[in-house]
Amino acid sequence: MNNIPIEAYLAVSTIMFFAGVYGFLSRKNMLMVLISLELMLNAADINFVVFNRLLYPGQLEGFFFTLFAISIAAAETAVAIAIIINIYRNVKAIYIDENITEMKN
């Protein structure tokens, strides 16, 4: 069995999640906002695995749910990057405040 306590995993997950929230709220670059969103999703995936290990040690539902969440996050990232590339082609900027004022015109 693993000697690392569950609280350590939850502490890492909490730090990752709040770093993602801070990056999501404070960054102006669309790619950095996307990376921050992915950081928050990965923190949630860590929680799925940790609580699966704690509540149902012999079963793999948390692991399968995490794999499903990772695949959905990868597809979401591909679509978001395609949207950011199209915005960059039209507006020539990937900063959120510049794009909002440019799209309004």
Protein backbone atom coordinates (compact mmCIF):
# COMPACT_ATOMS: atom_id res chain seq x y z
CA MET A 1 0.00 0.00 0.00
CA ASN A 2 1.02 3.59 -0.51
CA ASN A 3 2.67 5.45 2.38
CA ILE A 4 1.62 8.91 1.17
CA PRO A 5 -1.45 10.17 3.08
CA ILE A 6 -4.56 11.17 1.16
CA GLU A 7 -4.32 14.68 2.60
CA ALA A 8 -1.11 15.22 0.63
CA TYR A 9 -2.87 14.37 -2.64
CA LEU A 10 -5.76 16.63 -1.73
CA ALA A 11 -3.36 19.46 -0.84
CA VAL A 12 -1.65 19.17 -4.23
CA SER A 13 -5.04 19.08 -5.94
CA THR A 14 -6.22 22.15 -4.03
CA ILE A 15 -3.08 24.11 -4.89
CA MET A 16 -3.43 23.13 -8.56
CA PHE A 17 -7.08 24.11 -8.63
CA PHE A 18 -6.60 27.52 -7.05
CA ALA A 19 -3.57 28.22 -9.24
CA GLY A 20 -5.85 27.50 -12.19
CA VAL A 21 -8.56 29.80 -10.83
CA TYR A 22 -6.03 32.57 -10.30
CA GLY A 23 -4.66 32.15 -13.82
CA PHE A 24 -8.15 32.02 -15.31
CA LEU A 25 -9.19 35.24 -13.61
CA SER A 26 -5.97 37.21 -13.97
CA ARG A 27 -4.56 36.35 -17.42
CA LYS A 28 -5.37 38.32 -20.55
CA ASN A 29 -3.86 35.87 -23.04
CA MET A 30 -6.41 33.34 -24.34
CA LEU A 31 -3.88 30.50 -24.39
CA MET A 32 -2.95 31.11 -20.75
CA VAL A 33 -6.64 31.12 -19.82
CA LEU A 34 -7.01 27.78 -21.61
CA ILE A 35 -3.98 26.35 -19.77
CA SER A 36 -5.44 27.54 -16.47
CA LEU A 37 -8.74 25.84 -17.29
CA GLU A 38 -6.89 22.61 -18.04
CA LEU A 39 -5.06 22.91 -14.72
CA MET A 40 -8.40 23.09 -12.92
CA LEU A 41 -9.69 20.05 -14.81
CA ASN A 42 -6.55 18.06 -13.93
CA ALA A 43 -7.00 18.95 -10.26
CA ALA A 44 -10.53 17.56 -10.42
CA ASP A 45 -9.19 14.39 -12.06
CA ILE A 46 -6.73 13.93 -9.20
CA ASN A 47 -9.66 14.17 -6.79
CA PHE A 48 -11.59 11.52 -8.72
CA VAL A 49 -8.72 9.07 -8.43
CA VAL A 50 -7.99 9.84 -4.77
CA PHE A 51 -11.59 9.46 -3.66
CA ASN A 52 -11.98 6.29 -5.70
CA ARG A 53 -8.92 4.86 -3.94
CA LEU A 54 -10.30 5.94 -0.55
CA LEU A 55 -13.94 4.86 -0.93
CA TYR A 56 -13.70 1.88 -3.30
CA PRO A 57 -10.16 0.47 -3.10
CA GLY A 58 -10.72 -2.59 -5.27
CA GLN A 59 -12.79 -0.99 -8.01
CA LEU A 60 -11.83 1.17 -10.98
CA GLU A 61 -14.83 3.46 -11.52
CA GLY A 62 -12.88 6.59 -10.55
CA PHE A 63 -10.07 5.69 -12.91
CA PHE A 64 -12.44 5.13 -15.83
CA PHE A 65 -14.25 8.36 -15.07
CA THR A 66 -10.90 10.16 -14.97
CA LEU A 67 -9.88 8.70 -18.34
CA PHE A 68 -13.21 9.83 -19.77
CA ALA A 69 -12.73 13.33 -18.31
CA ILE A 70 -9.20 13.54 -19.73
CA SER A 71 -10.42 12.56 -23.19
CA ILE A 72 -13.22 15.14 -23.06
CA ALA A 73 -10.71 17.77 -21.89
CA ALA A 74 -8.38 16.92 -24.79
CA ALA A 75 -11.20 17.31 -27.30
CA GLU A 76 -12.25 20.58 -25.66
CA THR A 77 -8.68 21.85 -25.85
CA ALA A 78 -8.42 21.01 -29.55
CA VAL A 79 -11.63 22.89 -30.31
CA ALA A 80 -10.60 25.86 -28.14
CA ILE A 81 -7.20 26.12 -29.83
CA ALA A 82 -8.89 26.03 -33.24
CA ILE A 83 -11.18 28.88 -32.16
CA ILE A 84 -8.21 30.88 -30.82
CA ILE A 85 -6.33 30.37 -34.10
CA ASN A 86 -9.33 31.63 -36.09
CA ILE A 87 -9.66 34.67 -33.81
CA TYR A 88 -5.97 35.38 -34.26
CA ARG A 89 -6.29 35.18 -38.05
CA ASN A 90 -9.11 37.72 -38.06
CA VAL A 91 -8.09 40.10 -35.26
CA LYS A 92 -4.29 39.56 -35.11
CA ALA A 93 -4.30 39.42 -31.30
CA ILE A 94 -4.91 36.75 -28.69
CA TYR A 95 -5.45 39.09 -25.77
CA ILE A 96 -8.95 39.01 -24.34
CA ASP A 97 -9.43 42.76 -23.80
CA GLU A 98 -8.23 43.65 -27.33
CA ASN A 99 -10.41 40.99 -28.94
CA ILE A 100 -13.57 42.06 -27.13
CA THR A 101 -13.25 45.68 -28.24
CA GLU A 102 -12.31 44.61 -31.80
CA MET A 103 -15.25 42.19 -32.08
CA LYS A 104 -17.70 44.86 -30.92
CA ASN A 105 -16.75 47.06 -33.90
